[in-house]
Amino acid sequence: MSDQDETNSGDVPMMQKLLDNPFLLLFLGVASPAVLYLAWGIMEIVTIPAR
């Protein structure tokens, strides 16, 4: 039973590694709104009717 506990304690899920990285979360928190607002602005400019 002890061998199984040692092998399972070393297995950290990928999603947990991802969410434990504060710099990655900071980047995603800043980059995702920036990309969305940029895309929204481009769509607004494209939809302005030409005279």
N, C-alpha and C. Protein backbone atom coordinates (compact mmCIF):
# COMPACT_ATOMS: atom_id res chain seq x y z
N MET A 1 0.83 -1.19 0.00
CA MET A 1 0.00 0.00 0.00
C MET A 1 0.86 1.24 0.00
N SER A 2 2.00 1.16 0.62
CA SER A 2 2.90 2.31 0.71
C SER A 2 3.45 2.68 -0.67
N ASP A 3 3.71 1.69 -1.53
CA ASP A 3 4.23 1.97 -2.86
C ASP A 3 3.21 2.73 -3.71
N GLN A 4 1.94 2.38 -3.57
CA GLN A 4 0.90 3.08 -4.33
C GLN A 4 0.77 4.52 -3.88
N ASP A 5 0.89 4.77 -2.58
CA ASP A 5 0.79 6.14 -2.08
C ASP A 5 1.93 7.00 -2.61
N GLU A 6 3.13 6.44 -2.70
CA GLU A 6 4.27 7.20 -3.20
C GLU A 6 4.11 7.53 -4.68
N THR A 7 3.60 6.60 -5.47
CA THR A 7 3.45 6.86 -6.90
C THR A 7 2.31 7.84 -7.16
N ASN A 8 1.23 7.76 -6.39
CA ASN A 8 0.10 8.65 -6.60
C ASN A 8 0.39 10.06 -6.10
N SER A 9 1.24 10.21 -5.10
CA SER A 9 1.52 11.54 -4.58
C SER A 9 2.35 12.37 -5.56
N GLY A 10 3.09 11.72 -6.46
CA GLY A 10 3.90 12.44 -7.43
C GLY A 10 3.13 12.84 -8.68
N ASP A 11 1.95 12.27 -8.89
CA ASP A 11 1.17 12.58 -10.08
C ASP A 11 0.30 13.81 -9.83
N VAL A 12 0.73 14.93 -10.38
CA VAL A 12 -0.06 16.16 -10.27
C VAL A 12 -0.76 16.38 -11.60
N PRO A 13 -2.08 16.54 -11.58
CA PRO A 13 -2.80 16.74 -12.84
C PRO A 13 -2.32 18.00 -13.58
N MET A 14 -2.40 17.96 -14.90
CA MET A 14 -1.94 19.07 -15.73
C MET A 14 -2.71 20.36 -15.43
N MET A 15 -4.02 20.24 -15.23
CA MET A 15 -4.83 21.42 -14.98
C MET A 15 -4.44 22.08 -13.65
N GLN A 16 -4.06 21.27 -12.66
CA GLN A 16 -3.64 21.83 -11.38
C GLN A 16 -2.31 22.56 -11.54
N LYS A 17 -1.40 22.01 -12.33
CA LYS A 17 -0.13 22.70 -12.59
C LYS A 17 -0.39 24.03 -13.27
N LEU A 18 -1.34 24.04 -14.20
CA LEU A 18 -1.67 25.25 -14.93
C LEU A 18 -2.25 26.31 -14.00
N LEU A 19 -3.19 25.91 -13.15
CA LEU A 19 -3.86 26.86 -12.28
C LEU A 19 -3.02 27.26 -11.07
N ASP A 20 -1.95 26.54 -10.78
CA ASP A 20 -1.06 26.91 -9.68
C ASP A 20 -0.01 27.94 -10.10
N ASN A 21 0.06 28.26 -11.38
CA ASN A 21 1.06 29.21 -11.87
C ASN A 21 0.45 30.61 -11.88
N PRO A 22 0.85 31.49 -10.92
CA PRO A 22 0.24 32.82 -10.84
C PRO A 22 0.58 33.71 -12.04
N PHE A 23 1.76 33.55 -12.61
CA PHE A 23 2.13 34.39 -13.74
C PHE A 23 1.32 34.04 -14.99
N LEU A 24 1.03 32.77 -15.17
CA LEU A 24 0.19 32.35 -16.28
C LEU A 24 -1.23 32.89 -16.10
N LEU A 25 -1.75 32.82 -14.87
CA LEU A 25 -3.08 33.35 -14.61
C LEU A 25 -3.12 34.86 -14.82
N LEU A 26 -2.06 35.55 -14.42
CA LEU A 26 -1.98 37.00 -14.65
C LEU A 26 -1.97 37.31 -16.13
N PHE A 27 -1.17 36.57 -16.89
CA PHE A 27 -1.10 36.77 -18.34
C PHE A 27 -2.45 36.53 -18.99
N LEU A 28 -3.11 35.43 -18.61
CA LEU A 28 -4.42 35.12 -19.19
C LEU A 28 -5.46 36.16 -18.80
N GLY A 29 -5.37 36.66 -17.58
CA GLY A 29 -6.32 37.66 -17.11
C GLY A 29 -6.15 39.00 -17.79
N VAL A 30 -4.96 39.31 -18.26
CA VAL A 30 -4.72 40.57 -18.96
C VAL A 30 -4.88 40.40 -20.47
N ALA A 31 -4.39 39.29 -20.99
CA ALA A 31 -4.38 39.09 -22.44
C ALA A 31 -5.76 38.79 -23.00
N SER A 32 -6.57 38.01 -22.30
CA SER A 32 -7.86 37.65 -22.87
C SER A 32 -8.79 38.85 -23.02
N PRO A 33 -8.94 39.75 -22.04
CA PRO A 33 -9.77 40.94 -22.30
C PRO A 33 -9.17 41.84 -23.37
N ALA A 34 -7.84 41.94 -23.42
CA ALA A 34 -7.20 42.78 -24.43
C ALA A 34 -7.51 42.27 -25.83
N VAL A 35 -7.42 40.97 -26.03
CA VAL A 35 -7.70 40.40 -27.34
C VAL A 35 -9.18 40.56 -27.70
N LEU A 36 -10.05 40.35 -26.73
CA LEU A 36 -11.48 40.50 -26.99
C LEU A 36 -11.85 41.94 -27.34
N TYR A 37 -11.32 42.91 -26.59
CA TYR A 37 -11.61 44.32 -26.89
C TYR A 37 -11.01 44.74 -28.22
N LEU A 38 -9.85 44.21 -28.55
CA LEU A 38 -9.24 44.52 -29.84
C LEU A 38 -10.10 43.98 -30.98
N ALA A 39 -10.55 42.75 -30.84
CA ALA A 39 -11.42 42.16 -31.87
C ALA A 39 -12.74 42.92 -31.96
N TRP A 40 -13.30 43.31 -30.82
CA TRP A 40 -14.54 44.08 -30.79
C TRP A 40 -14.35 45.42 -31.49
N GLY A 41 -13.24 46.09 -31.24
CA GLY A 41 -12.97 47.38 -31.88
C GLY A 41 -12.80 47.24 -33.38
N ILE A 42 -12.11 46.21 -33.81
CA ILE A 42 -11.93 45.99 -35.26
C ILE A 42 -13.27 45.71 -35.92
N MET A 43 -14.11 44.92 -35.25
CA MET A 43 -15.44 44.64 -35.81
C MET A 43 -16.28 45.92 -35.90
N GLU A 44 -16.17 46.79 -34.91
CA GLU A 44 -16.92 48.04 -34.94
C GLU A 44 -16.44 48.94 -36.09
N ILE A 45 -15.14 49.00 -36.29
CA ILE A 45 -14.59 49.84 -37.36
C ILE A 45 -15.00 49.30 -38.72
N VAL A 46 -15.00 47.99 -38.88
CA VAL A 46 -15.35 47.36 -40.16
C VAL A 46 -16.83 47.59 -40.49
N THR A 47 -17.68 47.65 -39.48
CA THR A 47 -19.11 47.77 -39.72
C THR A 47 -19.58 49.22 -39.91
N ILE A 48 -18.67 50.19 -39.84
CA ILE A 48 -19.07 51.59 -40.09
C ILE A 48 -19.36 51.73 -41.58
N PRO A 49 -20.53 52.24 -41.92
CA PRO A 49 -20.85 52.35 -43.35
C PRO A 49 -20.01 53.43 -44.04
N ALA A 50 -19.58 53.12 -45.25
CA ALA A 50 -18.81 54.08 -46.05
C ALA A 50 -19.74 55.08 -46.70
N ARG A 51 -19.30 56.33 -46.83
CA ARG A 51 -20.14 57.36 -47.45
C ARG A 51 -19.83 57.53 -48.90
